[in-house]
Amino acid sequence: MQRILVIDDEPDFASLLRRVGEGLGHSVKIAVDASDFKDLCKTFDPTIIVLDIVMPEIDGIELIQWLAQNRSAAKIIAISGANPLYSQHAKVIGETHRLPVITLGKPISLADLEAAFS
């Protein structure tokens, strides 16, 4: 069973991610902001982190950098419906810090999401 931590500024999308993850038998928690996310990273010890790249207070790129500084071992799934360059940047930041980053675009297919949660 995976422990999946989600941070996304779209509550409906975060809820969809929870339903998919729980439907696959995983434990899923949703962070509502960066502070909550950082606390849950420490207490929940996620094996998979799903983050939106473009968010209002702190973006996914900054969170990937924070995860690198805190030596996260989680697989990171970076999702964006914005410019594909954001996704490329997230992947490069992850590779630079030896973090496993998978990028997915919105809209996302259920099959791609289920595969990423494996």
PDB file of N, CA and C in Angstrom:
ATOM      1  N   MET A   1       0.834  -1.183   0.000  1.00  0.00           N
ATOM      2  CA  MET A   1       0.000   0.000   0.000  1.00  0.00           C
ATOM      3  C   MET A   1       0.884   1.253   0.000  1.00  0.00           C
ATOM      4  N   GLN A   2       0.564   2.173  -0.903  1.00  0.00           N
ATOM      5  CA  GLN A   2       1.279   3.445  -0.982  1.00  0.00           C
ATOM      6  C   GLN A   2       0.654   4.448  -0.008  1.00  0.00           C
ATOM      7  N   ARG A   3       1.467   5.406   0.439  1.00  0.00           N
ATOM      8  CA  ARG A   3       0.977   6.544   1.211  1.00  0.00           C
ATOM      9  C   ARG A   3       1.120   7.751   0.288  1.00  0.00           C
ATOM     10  N   ILE A   4      -0.018   8.279  -0.154  1.00  0.00           N
ATOM     11  CA  ILE A   4      -0.031   9.344  -1.153  1.00  0.00           C
ATOM     12  C   ILE A   4      -0.417  10.663  -0.495  1.00  0.00           C
ATOM     13  N   LEU A   5       0.408  11.674  -0.710  1.00  0.00           N
ATOM     14  CA  LEU A   5       0.132  13.021  -0.225  1.00  0.00           C
ATOM     15  C   LEU A   5      -0.120  13.914  -1.431  1.00  0.00           C
ATOM     16  N   VAL A   6      -1.259  14.613  -1.409  1.00  0.00           N
ATOM     17  CA  VAL A   6      -1.682  15.465  -2.522  1.00  0.00           C
ATOM     18  C   VAL A   6      -1.707  16.921  -2.065  1.00  0.00           C
ATOM     19  N   ILE A   7      -1.183  17.813  -2.887  1.00  0.00           N
ATOM     20  CA  ILE A   7      -1.391  19.246  -2.701  1.00  0.00           C
ATOM     21  C   ILE A   7      -1.767  19.831  -4.056  1.00  0.00           C
ATOM     22  N   ASP A   8      -2.953  20.432  -4.087  1.00  0.00           N
ATOM     23  CA  ASP A   8      -3.476  21.042  -5.307  1.00  0.00           C
ATOM     24  C   ASP A   8      -4.435  22.142  -4.874  1.00  0.00           C
ATOM     25  N   ASP A   9      -4.416  23.268  -5.559  1.00  0.00           N
ATOM     26  CA  ASP A   9      -5.291  24.377  -5.185  1.00  0.00           C
ATOM     27  C   ASP A   9      -6.713  24.207  -5.711  1.00  0.00           C
ATOM     28  N   GLU A  10      -6.972  23.134  -6.433  1.00  0.00           N
ATOM     29  CA  GLU A  10      -8.322  22.833  -6.910  1.00  0.00           C
ATOM     30  C   GLU A  10      -8.887  21.689  -6.066  1.00  0.00           C
ATOM     31  N   PRO A  11      -9.766  22.000  -5.106  1.00  0.00           N
ATOM     32  CA  PRO A  11     -10.286  20.969  -4.190  1.00  0.00           C
ATOM     33  C   PRO A  11     -10.966  19.792  -4.904  1.00  0.00           C
ATOM     34  N   ASP A  12     -11.670  20.069  -6.000  1.00  0.00           N
ATOM     35  CA  ASP A  12     -12.342  18.976  -6.715  1.00  0.00           C
ATOM     36  C   ASP A  12     -11.325  18.012  -7.325  1.00  0.00           C
ATOM     37  N   PHE A  13     -10.237  18.560  -7.858  1.00  0.00           N
ATOM     38  CA  PHE A  13      -9.209  17.701  -8.445  1.00  0.00           C
ATOM     39  C   PHE A  13      -8.496  16.901  -7.357  1.00  0.00           C
ATOM     40  N   ALA A  14      -8.219  17.546  -6.228  1.00  0.00           N
ATOM     41  CA  ALA A  14      -7.588  16.842  -5.103  1.00  0.00           C
ATOM     42  C   ALA A  14      -8.487  15.705  -4.620  1.00  0.00           C
ATOM     43  N   SER A  15      -9.791  15.944  -4.578  1.00  0.00           N
ATOM     44  CA  SER A  15     -10.738  14.893  -4.161  1.00  0.00           C
ATOM     45  C   SER A  15     -10.752  13.739  -5.152  1.00  0.00           C
ATOM     46  N   LEU A  16     -10.649  14.052  -6.444  1.00  0.00           N
ATOM     47  CA  LEU A  16     -10.575  12.997  -7.465  1.00  0.00           C
ATOM     48  C   LEU A  16      -9.328  12.146  -7.244  1.00  0.00           C
ATOM     49  N   LEU A  17      -8.200  12.799  -6.979  1.00  0.00           N
ATOM     50  CA  LEU A  17      -6.964  12.058  -6.729  1.00  0.00           C
ATOM     51  C   LEU A  17      -7.118  11.158  -5.504  1.00  0.00           C
ATOM     52  N   ARG A  18      -7.793  11.656  -4.470  1.00  0.00           N
ATOM     53  CA  ARG A  18      -8.029  10.837  -3.277  1.00  0.00           C
ATOM     54  C   ARG A  18      -8.873   9.607  -3.617  1.00  0.00           C
ATOM     55  N   ARG A  19      -9.953   9.815  -4.361  1.00  0.00           N
ATOM     56  CA  ARG A  19     -10.839   8.687  -4.706  1.00  0.00           C
ATOM     57  C   ARG A  19     -10.103   7.629  -5.524  1.00  0.00           C
ATOM     58  N   VAL A  20      -9.287   8.075  -6.480  1.00  0.00           N
ATOM     59  CA  VAL A  20      -8.533   7.125  -7.309  1.00  0.00           C
ATOM     60  C   VAL A  20      -7.530   6.363  -6.446  1.00  0.00           C
ATOM     61  N   GLY A  21      -6.775   7.078  -5.635  1.00  0.00           N
ATOM     62  CA  GLY A  21      -5.777   6.430  -4.780  1.00  0.00           C
ATOM     63  C   GLY A  21      -6.399   5.455  -3.800  1.00  0.00           C
ATOM     64  N   GLU A  22      -7.454   5.879  -3.123  1.00  0.00           N
ATOM     65  CA  GLU A  22      -8.121   4.994  -2.164  1.00  0.00           C
ATOM     66  C   GLU A  22      -8.770   3.810  -2.869  1.00  0.00           C
ATOM     67  N   GLY A  23      -9.274   4.034  -4.086  1.00  0.00           N
ATOM     68  CA  GLY A  23      -9.852   2.949  -4.867  1.00  0.00           C
ATOM     69  C   GLY A  23      -8.837   1.876  -5.224  1.00  0.00           C
ATOM     70  N   LEU A  24      -7.575   2.272  -5.273  1.00  0.00           N
ATOM     71  CA  LEU A  24      -6.488   1.322  -5.550  1.00  0.00           C
ATOM     72  C   LEU A  24      -5.927   0.712  -4.266  1.00  0.00           C
ATOM     73  N   GLY A  25      -6.534   1.081  -3.117  1.00  0.00           N
ATOM     74  CA  GLY A  25      -6.112   0.503  -1.848  1.00  0.00           C
ATOM     75  C   GLY A  25      -5.023   1.281  -1.129  1.00  0.00           C
ATOM     76  N   HIS A  26      -4.767   2.508  -1.568  1.00  0.00           N
ATOM     77  CA  HIS A  26      -3.721   3.319  -0.956  1.00  0.00           C
ATOM     78  C   HIS A  26      -4.301   4.240   0.115  1.00  0.00           C
ATOM     79  N   SER A  27      -3.445   4.694   1.001  1.00  0.00           N
ATOM     80  CA  SER A  27      -3.802   5.704   1.996  1.00  0.00           C
ATOM     81  C   SER A  27      -3.489   7.071   1.389  1.00  0.00           C
ATOM     82  N   VAL A  28      -4.463   7.993   1.434  1.00  0.00           N
ATOM     83  CA  VAL A  28      -4.294   9.293   0.789  1.00  0.00           C
ATOM     84  C   VAL A  28      -4.631  10.418   1.758  1.00  0.00           C
ATOM     85  N   LYS A  29      -3.758  11.421   1.810  1.00  0.00           N
ATOM     86  CA  LYS A  29      -4.020  12.636   2.582  1.00  0.00           C
ATOM     87  C   LYS A  29      -3.889  13.823   1.643  1.00  0.00           C
ATOM     88  N   ILE A  30      -4.701  14.851   1.916  1.00  0.00           N
ATOM     89  CA  ILE A  30      -4.685  16.063   1.100  1.00  0.00           C
ATOM     90  C   ILE A  30      -4.208  17.226   1.958  1.00  0.00           C
ATOM     91  N   ALA A  31      -3.216  17.933   1.466  1.00  0.00           N
ATOM     92  CA  ALA A  31      -2.731  19.147   2.126  1.00  0.00           C
ATOM     93  C   ALA A  31      -3.456  20.341   1.512  1.00  0.00           C
ATOM     94  N   VAL A  32      -3.860  21.275   2.373  1.00  0.00           N
ATOM     95  CA  VAL A  32      -4.611  22.426   1.886  1.00  0.00           C
ATOM     96  C   VAL A  32      -3.720  23.636   1.600  1.00  0.00           C
ATOM     97  N   ASP A  33      -2.504  23.627   2.132  1.00  0.00           N
ATOM     98  CA  ASP A  33      -1.559  24.708   1.862  1.00  0.00           C
ATOM     99  C   ASP A  33      -0.138  24.197   2.096  1.00  0.00           C
ATOM    100  N   ALA A  34       0.844  25.049   1.837  1.00  0.00           N
ATOM    101  CA  ALA A  34       2.251  24.627   1.929  1.00  0.00           C
ATOM    102  C   ALA A  34       2.643  24.220   3.343  1.00  0.00           C
ATOM    103  N   SER A  35       2.158  24.938   4.331  1.00  0.00           N
ATOM    104  CA  SER A  35       2.489  24.605   5.719  1.00  0.00           C
ATOM    105  C   SER A  35       1.942  23.229   6.086  1.00  0.00           C
ATOM    106  N   ASP A  36       0.690  22.981   5.719  1.00  0.00           N
ATOM    107  CA  ASP A  36       0.059  21.677   5.960  1.00  0.00           C
ATOM    108  C   ASP A  36       0.826  20.581   5.220  1.00  0.00           C
ATOM    109  N   PHE A  37       1.224  20.878   3.985  1.00  0.00           N
ATOM    110  CA  PHE A  37       1.991  19.929   3.170  1.00  0.00           C
ATOM    111  C   PHE A  37       3.293  19.538   3.864  1.00  0.00           C
ATOM    112  N   LYS A  38       4.029  20.537   4.329  1.00  0.00           N
ATOM    113  CA  LYS A  38       5.321  20.277   4.969  1.00  0.00           C
ATOM    114  C   LYS A  38       5.147  19.476   6.258  1.00  0.00           C
ATOM    115  N   ASP A  39       4.109  19.794   7.033  1.00  0.00           N
ATOM    116  CA  ASP A  39       3.830  19.027   8.252  1.00  0.00           C
ATOM    117  C   ASP A  39       3.495  17.576   7.924  1.00  0.00           C
ATOM    118  N   LEU A  40       2.642  17.374   6.904  1.00  0.00           N
ATOM    119  CA  LEU A  40       2.244  16.015   6.530  1.00  0.00           C
ATOM    120  C   LEU A  40       3.417  15.221   5.954  1.00  0.00           C
ATOM    121  N   CYS A  41       4.321  15.887   5.266  1.00  0.00           N
ATOM    122  CA  CYS A  41       5.510  15.191   4.756  1.00  0.00           C
ATOM    123  C   CYS A  41       6.290  14.565   5.901  1.00  0.00           C
ATOM    124  N   LYS A  42       6.344  15.265   7.003  1.00  0.00           N
ATOM    125  CA  LYS A  42       7.105  14.780   8.152  1.00  0.00           C
ATOM    126  C   LYS A  42       6.354  13.712   8.950  1.00  0.00           C
ATOM    127  N   THR A  43       5.037  13.857   9.093  1.00  0.00           N
ATOM    128  CA  THR A  43       4.282  12.936   9.956  1.00  0.00           C
ATOM    129  C   THR A  43       3.700  11.747   9.196  1.00  0.00           C
ATOM    130  N   PHE A  44       3.312  11.943   7.946  1.00  0.00           N
ATOM    131  CA  PHE A  44       2.661  10.893   7.149  1.00  0.00           C
ATOM    132  C   PHE A  44       3.692  10.049   6.403  1.00  0.00           C
ATOM    133  N   ASP A  45       4.876  10.607   6.142  1.00  0.00           N
ATOM    134  CA  ASP A  45       5.955   9.926   5.429  1.00  0.00           C
ATOM    135  C   ASP A  45       5.468   9.324   4.102  1.00  0.00           C
ATOM    136  N   PRO A  46       5.023  10.182   3.176  1.00  0.00           N
ATOM    137  CA  PRO A  46       4.447   9.671   1.924  1.00  0.00           C
ATOM    138  C   PRO A  46       5.457   8.926   1.057  1.00  0.00           C
ATOM    139  N   THR A  47       4.946   7.923   0.353  1.00  0.00           N
ATOM    140  CA  THR A  47       5.759   7.211  -0.636  1.00  0.00           C
ATOM    141  C   THR A  47       5.572   7.830  -2.019  1.00  0.00           C
ATOM    142  N   ILE A  48       4.433   8.529  -2.205  1.00  0.00           N
ATOM    143  CA  ILE A  48       4.134   9.246  -3.450  1.00  0.00           C
ATOM    144  C   ILE A  48       3.609  10.626  -3.070  1.00  0.00           C
ATOM    145  N   ILE A  49       4.120  11.639  -3.743  1.00  0.00           N
ATOM    146  CA  ILE A  49       3.638  13.006  -3.551  1.00  0.00           C
ATOM    147  C   ILE A  49       3.097  13.499  -4.884  1.00  0.00           C
ATOM    148  N   VAL A  50       1.850  13.964  -4.867  1.00  0.00           N
ATOM    149  CA  VAL A  50       1.233  14.530  -6.061  1.00  0.00           C
ATOM    150  C   VAL A  50       1.090  16.022  -5.816  1.00  0.00           C
ATOM    151  N   LEU A  51       1.709  16.812  -6.675  1.00  0.00           N
ATOM    152  CA  LEU A  51       1.609  18.255  -6.479  1.00  0.00           C
ATOM    153  C   LEU A  51       1.297  18.976  -7.770  1.00  0.00           C
ATOM    154  N   ASP A  52       0.490  20.011  -7.620  1.00  0.00           N
ATOM    155  CA  ASP A  52       0.177  20.903  -8.728  1.00  0.00           C
ATOM    156  C   ASP A  52       1.389  21.816  -8.900  1.00  0.00           C
ATOM    157  N   ILE A  53       1.793  22.054 -10.121  1.00  0.00           N
ATOM    158  CA  ILE A  53       2.951  22.903 -10.343  1.00  0.00           C
ATOM    159  C   ILE A  53       2.592  24.376 -10.157  1.00  0.00           C
ATOM    160  N   VAL A  54       1.412  24.788 -10.634  1.00  0.00           N
ATOM    161  CA  VAL A  54       1.021  26.187 -10.552  1.00  0.00           C
ATOM    162  C   VAL A  54      -0.038  26.344  -9.456  1.00  0.00           C
ATOM    163  N   MET A  55       0.381  26.985  -8.359  1.00  0.00           N
ATOM    164  CA  MET A  55      -0.520  27.261  -7.234  1.00  0.00           C
ATOM    165  C   MET A  55      -0.256  28.681  -6.763  1.00  0.00           C
ATOM    166  N   PRO A  56      -1.230  29.303  -6.088  1.00  0.00           N
ATOM    167  CA  PRO A  56      -1.101  30.716  -5.745  1.00  0.00           C
ATOM    168  C   PRO A  56      -0.037  31.073  -4.694  1.00  0.00           C
ATOM    169  N   GLU A  57       0.041  30.387  -3.591  1.00  0.00           N
ATOM    170  CA  GLU A  57       0.943  30.797  -2.516  1.00  0.00           C
ATOM    171  C   GLU A  57       2.377  30.322  -2.726  1.00  0.00           C
ATOM    172  N   ILE A  58       2.525  29.067  -3.047  1.00  0.00           N
ATOM    173  CA  ILE A  58       3.836  28.466  -3.286  1.00  0.00           C
ATOM    174  C   ILE A  58       3.637  27.472  -4.431  1.00  0.00           C
ATOM    175  N   ASP A  59       4.529  27.494  -5.384  1.00  0.00           N
ATOM    176  CA  ASP A  59       4.309  26.606  -6.527  1.00  0.00           C
ATOM    177  C   ASP A  59       5.005  25.262  -6.347  1.00  0.00           C
ATOM    178  N   GLY A  60       4.662  24.354  -7.226  1.00  0.00           N
ATOM    179  CA  GLY A  60       5.209  23.005  -7.147  1.00  0.00           C
ATOM    180  C   GLY A  60       6.707  22.947  -7.299  1.00  0.00           C
ATOM    181  N   ILE A  61       7.281  23.860  -8.078  1.00  0.00           N
ATOM    182  CA  ILE A  61       8.740  23.897  -8.251  1.00  0.00           C
ATOM    183  C   ILE A  61       9.405  24.177  -6.903  1.00  0.00           C
ATOM    184  N   GLU A  62       8.870  25.142  -6.172  1.00  0.00           N
ATOM    185  CA  GLU A  62       9.415  25.460  -4.845  1.00  0.00           C
ATOM    186  C   GLU A  62       9.280  24.274  -3.896  1.00  0.00           C
ATOM    187  N   LEU A  63       8.162  23.557  -4.005  1.00  0.00           N
ATOM    188  CA  LEU A  63       7.965  22.389  -3.143  1.00  0.00           C
ATOM    189  C   LEU A  63       8.936  21.264  -3.509  1.00  0.00           C
ATOM    190  N   ILE A  64       9.216  21.090  -4.780  1.00  0.00           N
ATOM    191  CA  ILE A  64      10.200  20.077  -5.185  1.00  0.00           C
ATOM    192  C   ILE A  64      11.569  20.439  -4.610  1.00  0.00           C
ATOM    193  N   GLN A  65      11.912  21.713  -4.657  1.00  0.00           N
ATOM    194  CA  GLN A  65      13.188  22.146  -4.071  1.00  0.00           C
ATOM    195  C   GLN A  65      13.203  21.894  -2.563  1.00  0.00           C
ATOM    196  N   TRP A  66      12.081  22.166  -1.884  1.00  0.00           N
ATOM    197  CA  TRP A  66      11.988  21.910  -0.447  1.00  0.00           C
ATOM    198  C   TRP A  66      12.138  20.411  -0.166  1.00  0.00           C
ATOM    199  N   LEU A  67      11.498  19.577  -0.987  1.00  0.00           N
ATOM    200  CA  LEU A  67      11.609  18.123  -0.828  1.00  0.00           C
ATOM    201  C   LEU A  67      13.063  17.672  -1.004  1.00  0.00           C
ATOM    202  N   ALA A  68      13.754  18.271  -1.958  1.00  0.00           N
ATOM    203  CA  ALA A  68      15.173  17.932  -2.167  1.00  0.00           C
ATOM    204  C   ALA A  68      16.004  18.316  -0.947  1.00  0.00           C
ATOM    205  N   GLN A  69      15.767  19.498  -0.405  1.00  0.00           N
ATOM    206  CA  GLN A  69      16.512  19.957   0.777  1.00  0.00           C
ATOM    207  C   GLN A  69      16.255  19.058   1.981  1.00  0.00           C
ATOM    208  N   ASN A  70      15.046  18.475   2.030  1.00  0.00           N
ATOM    209  CA  ASN A  70      14.677  17.626   3.155  1.00  0.00           C
ATOM    210  C   ASN A  70      14.858  16.141   2.846  1.00  0.00           C
ATOM    211  N   ARG A  71      15.571  15.871   1.770  1.00  0.00           N
ATOM    212  CA  ARG A  71      15.948  14.508   1.380  1.00  0.00           C
ATOM    213  C   ARG A  71      14.759  13.537   1.297  1.00  0.00           C
ATOM    214  N   SER A  72      13.725  13.987   0.637  1.00  0.00           N
ATOM    215  CA  SER A  72      12.549  13.145   0.448  1.00  0.00           C
ATOM    216  C   SER A  72      12.906  11.928  -0.403  1.00  0.00           C
ATOM    217  N   ALA A  73      12.327  10.791  -0.053  1.00  0.00           N
ATOM    218  CA  ALA A  73      12.512   9.567  -0.828  1.00  0.00           C
ATOM    219  C   ALA A  73      11.263   9.237  -1.648  1.00  0.00           C
ATOM    220  N   ALA A  74      10.259  10.091  -1.563  1.00  0.00           N
ATOM    221  CA  ALA A  74       8.978   9.833  -2.245  1.00  0.00           C
ATOM    222  C   ALA A  74       9.100  10.028  -3.753  1.00  0.00           C
ATOM    223  N   LYS A  75       8.307   9.256  -4.485  1.00  0.00           N
ATOM    224  CA  LYS A  75       8.153   9.489  -5.921  1.00  0.00           C
ATOM    225  C   LYS A  75       7.270  10.727  -6.048  1.00  0.00           C
ATOM    226  N   ILE A  76       7.634  11.636  -6.925  1.00  0.00           N
ATOM    227  CA  ILE A  76       6.893  12.878  -7.088  1.00  0.00           C
ATOM    228  C   ILE A  76       6.170  12.861  -8.424  1.00  0.00           C
ATOM    229  N   ILE A  77       4.874  13.160  -8.360  1.00  0.00           N
ATOM    230  CA  ILE A  77       4.066  13.302  -9.565  1.00  0.00           C
ATOM    231  C   ILE A  77       3.680  14.766  -9.651  1.00  0.00           C
ATOM    232  N   ALA A  78       4.264  15.474 -10.611  1.00  0.00           N
ATOM    233  CA  ALA A  78       3.995  16.895 -10.796  1.00  0.00           C
ATOM    234  C   ALA A  78       2.968  17.047 -11.912  1.00  0.00           C
ATOM    235  N   ILE A  79       1.872  17.724 -11.593  1.00  0.00           N
ATOM    236  CA  ILE A  79       0.764  17.848 -12.536  1.00  0.00           C
ATOM    237  C   ILE A  79       0.533  19.321 -12.859  1.00  0.00           C
ATOM    238  N   SER A  80       0.291  19.603 -14.139  1.00  0.00           N
ATOM    239  CA  SER A  80      -0.002  20.974 -14.528  1.00  0.00           C
ATOM    240  C   SER A  80      -0.886  21.009 -15.759  1.00  0.00           C
ATOM    241  N   GLY A  81      -1.777  21.980 -15.767  1.00  0.00           N
ATOM    242  CA  GLY A  81      -2.588  22.233 -16.952  1.00  0.00           C
ATOM    243  C   GLY A  81      -2.093  23.482 -17.667  1.00  0.00           C
ATOM    244  N   ALA A  82      -1.005  24.051 -17.158  1.00  0.00           N
ATOM    245  CA  ALA A  82      -0.448  25.286 -17.709  1.00  0.00           C
ATOM    246  C   ALA A  82       0.605  24.961 -18.768  1.00  0.00           C
ATOM    247  N   ASN A  83       1.423  25.912 -19.051  1.00  0.00           N
ATOM    248  CA  ASN A  83       2.484  25.802 -20.046  1.00  0.00           C
ATOM    249  C   ASN A  83       3.338  24.553 -19.811  1.00  0.00           C
ATOM    250  N   PRO A  84       3.554  23.722 -20.842  1.00  0.00           N
ATOM    251  CA  PRO A  84       4.367  22.511 -20.699  1.00  0.00           C
ATOM    252  C   PRO A  84       5.799  22.784 -20.226  1.00  0.00           C
ATOM    253  N   LEU A  85       6.293  23.999 -20.393  1.00  0.00           N
ATOM    254  CA  LEU A  85       7.631  24.336 -19.915  1.00  0.00           C
ATOM    255  C   LEU A  85       7.721  24.216 -18.389  1.00  0.00           C
ATOM    256  N   TYR A  86       6.614  24.467 -17.684  1.00  0.00           N
ATOM    257  CA  TYR A  86       6.598  24.307 -16.231  1.00  0.00           C
ATOM    258  C   TYR A  86       6.894  22.852 -15.863  1.00  0.00           C
ATOM    259  N   SER A  87       6.268  21.937 -16.586  1.00  0.00           N
ATOM    260  CA  SER A  87       6.485  20.513 -16.331  1.00  0.00           C
ATOM    261  C   SER A  87       7.932  20.133 -16.614  1.00  0.00           C
ATOM    262  N   GLN A  88       8.490  20.656 -17.700  1.00  0.00           N
ATOM    263  CA  GLN A  88       9.892  20.371 -18.019  1.00  0.00           C
ATOM    264  C   GLN A  88      10.808  20.891 -16.923  1.00  0.00           C
ATOM    265  N   HIS A  89      10.498  22.077 -16.429  1.00  0.00           N
ATOM    266  CA  HIS A  89      11.308  22.675 -15.364  1.00  0.00           C
ATOM    267  C   HIS A  89      11.244  21.809 -14.100  1.00  0.00           C
ATOM    268  N   ALA A  90      10.046  21.326 -13.761  1.00  0.00           N
ATOM    269  CA  ALA A  90       9.884  20.460 -12.583  1.00  0.00           C
ATOM    270  C   ALA A  90      10.723  19.198 -12.733  1.00  0.00           C
ATOM    271  N   LYS A  91      10.724  18.625 -13.919  1.00  0.00           N
ATOM    272  CA  LYS A  91      11.494  17.401 -14.159  1.00  0.00           C
ATOM    273  C   LYS A  91      12.995  17.664 -14.036  1.00  0.00           C
ATOM    274  N   VAL A  92      13.466  18.772 -14.580  1.00  0.00           N
ATOM    275  CA  VAL A  92      14.888  19.113 -14.504  1.00  0.00           C
ATOM    276  C   VAL A  92      15.306  19.353 -13.055  1.00  0.00           C
ATOM    277  N   ILE A  93      14.488  20.076 -12.293  1.00  0.00           N
ATOM    278  CA  ILE A  93      14.797  20.317 -10.876  1.00  0.00           C
ATOM    279  C   ILE A  93      14.886  18.972 -10.148  1.00  0.00           C
ATOM    280  N   GLY A  94      13.931  18.089 -10.407  1.00  0.00           N
ATOM    281  CA  GLY A  94      13.954  16.768  -9.782  1.00  0.00           C
ATOM    282  C   GLY A  94      15.210  15.991 -10.145  1.00  0.00           C
ATOM    283  N   GLU A  95      15.537  15.948 -11.421  1.00  0.00           N
ATOM    284  CA  GLU A  95      16.725  15.213 -11.863  1.00  0.00           C
ATOM    285  C   GLU A  95      17.993  15.796 -11.263  1.00  0.00           C
ATOM    286  N   THR A  96      18.063  17.109 -11.163  1.00  0.00           N
ATOM    287  CA  THR A  96      19.234  17.778 -10.585  1.00  0.00           C
ATOM    288  C   THR A  96      19.461  17.321  -9.147  1.00  0.00           C
ATOM    289  N   HIS A  97      18.362  17.105  -8.443  1.00  0.00           N
ATOM    290  CA  HIS A  97      18.443  16.706  -7.030  1.00  0.00           C
ATOM    291  C   HIS A  97      18.242  15.202  -6.827  1.00  0.00           C
ATOM    292  N   ARG A  98      18.276  14.453  -7.918  1.00  0.00           N
ATOM    293  CA  ARG A  98      18.106  13.002  -7.882  1.00  0.00           C
ATOM    294  C   ARG A  98      16.779  12.581  -7.251  1.00  0.00           C
ATOM    295  N   LEU A  99      15.727  13.334  -7.573  1.00  0.00           N
ATOM    296  CA  LEU A  99      14.379  12.986  -7.124  1.00  0.00           C
ATOM    297  C   LEU A  99      13.611  12.398  -8.303  1.00  0.00           C
ATOM    298  N   PRO A 100      12.884  11.321  -8.059  1.00  0.00           N
ATOM    299  CA  PRO A 100      12.092  10.729  -9.142  1.00  0.00           C
ATOM    300  C   PRO A 100      10.833  11.556  -9.400  1.00  0.00           C
ATOM    301  N   VAL A 101      10.848  12.359 -10.477  1.00  0.00           N
ATOM    302  CA  VAL A 101       9.711  13.218 -10.814  1.00  0.00           C
ATOM    303  C   VAL A 101       9.071  12.734 -12.107  1.00  0.00           C
ATOM    304  N   ILE A 102       7.780  12.472 -12.016  1.00  0.00           N
ATOM    305  CA  ILE A 102       6.962  12.136 -13.177  1.00  0.00           C
ATOM    306  C   ILE A 102       6.082  13.346 -13.436  1.00  0.00           C
ATOM    307  N   THR A 103       5.962  13.784 -14.680  1.00  0.00           N
ATOM    308  CA  THR A 103       5.090  14.911 -14.986  1.00  0.00           C
ATOM    309  C   THR A 103       3.888  14.432 -15.792  1.00  0.00           C
ATOM    310  N   LEU A 104       2.732  14.955 -15.417  1.00  0.00           N
ATOM    311  CA  LEU A 104       1.483  14.644 -16.114  1.00  0.00           C
ATOM    312  C   LEU A 104       0.750  15.947 -16.393  1.00  0.00           C
ATOM    313  N   GLY A 105       0.049  16.001 -17.504  1.00  0.00           N
ATOM    314  CA  GLY A 105      -0.705  17.199 -17.858  1.00  0.00           C
ATOM    315  C   GLY A 105      -2.184  17.052 -17.562  1.00  0.00           C
ATOM    316  N   LYS A 106      -2.815  18.175 -17.303  1.00  0.00           N
ATOM    317  CA  LYS A 106      -4.270  18.211 -17.151  1.00  0.00           C
ATOM    318  C   LYS A 106      -4.840  18.599 -18.502  1.00  0.00           C
ATOM    319  N   PRO A 107      -5.907  17.981 -18.942  1.00  0.00           N
ATOM    320  CA  PRO A 107      -6.626  16.909 -18.244  1.00  0.00           C
ATOM    321  C   PRO A 107      -5.813  15.615 -18.261  1.00  0.00           C
ATOM    322  N   ILE A 108      -6.012  14.836 -17.238  1.00  0.00           N
ATOM    323  CA  ILE A 108      -5.248  13.603 -17.055  1.00  0.00           C
ATOM    324  C   ILE A 108      -6.172  12.408 -17.244  1.00  0.00           C
ATOM    325  N   SER A 109      -5.662  11.374 -17.872  1.00  0.00           N
ATOM    326  CA  SER A 109      -6.479  10.175 -18.065  1.00  0.00           C
ATOM    327  C   SER A 109      -6.418   9.327 -16.796  1.00  0.00           C
ATOM    328  N   LEU A 110      -7.481   8.622 -16.533  1.00  0.00           N
ATOM    329  CA  LEU A 110      -7.549   7.736 -15.373  1.00  0.00           C
ATOM    330  C   LEU A 110      -6.459   6.657 -15.458  1.00  0.00           C
ATOM    331  N   ALA A 111      -6.220   6.140 -16.646  1.00  0.00           N
ATOM    332  CA  ALA A 111      -5.201   5.099 -16.832  1.00  0.00           C
ATOM    333  C   ALA A 111      -3.809   5.625 -16.482  1.00  0.00           C
ATOM    334  N   ASP A 112      -3.495   6.862 -16.911  1.00  0.00           N
ATOM    335  CA  ASP A 112      -2.188   7.442 -16.582  1.00  0.00           C
ATOM    336  C   ASP A 112      -2.049   7.670 -15.083  1.00  0.00           C
ATOM    337  N   LEU A 113      -3.114   8.121 -14.454  1.00  0.00           N
ATOM    338  CA  LEU A 113      -3.090   8.360 -13.018  1.00  0.00           C
ATOM    339  C   LEU A 113      -2.910   7.050 -12.243  1.00  0.00           C
ATOM    340  N   GLU A 114      -3.661   6.025 -12.617  1.00  0.00           N
ATOM    341  CA  GLU A 114      -3.540   4.722 -11.950  1.00  0.00           C
ATOM    342  C   GLU A 114      -2.119   4.156 -12.130  1.00  0.00           C
ATOM    343  N   ALA A 115      -1.560   4.314 -13.326  1.00  0.00           N
ATOM    344  CA  ALA A 115      -0.194   3.829 -13.567  1.00  0.00           C
ATOM    345  C   ALA A 115       0.808   4.587 -12.707  1.00  0.00           C
ATOM    346  N   ALA A 116       0.619   5.880 -12.549  1.00  0.00           N
ATOM    347  CA  ALA A 116       1.540   6.680 -11.733  1.00  0.00           C
ATOM    348  C   ALA A 116       1.447   6.314 -10.255  1.00  0.00           C
ATOM    349  N   PHE A 117       0.278   5.842  -9.826  1.00  0.00           N
ATOM    350  CA  PHE A 117       0.077   5.468  -8.419  1.00  0.00           C
ATOM    351  C   PHE A 117       0.603   4.063  -8.111  1.00  0.00           C
ATOM    352  N   SER A 118       1.107   3.370  -9.121  1.00  0.00           N
ATOM    353  CA  SER A 118       1.622   2.010  -8.913  1.00  0.00           C
ATOM    354  C   SER A 118       3.031   2.037  -8.369  1.00  0.00           C
TER     355      SER A 118
END
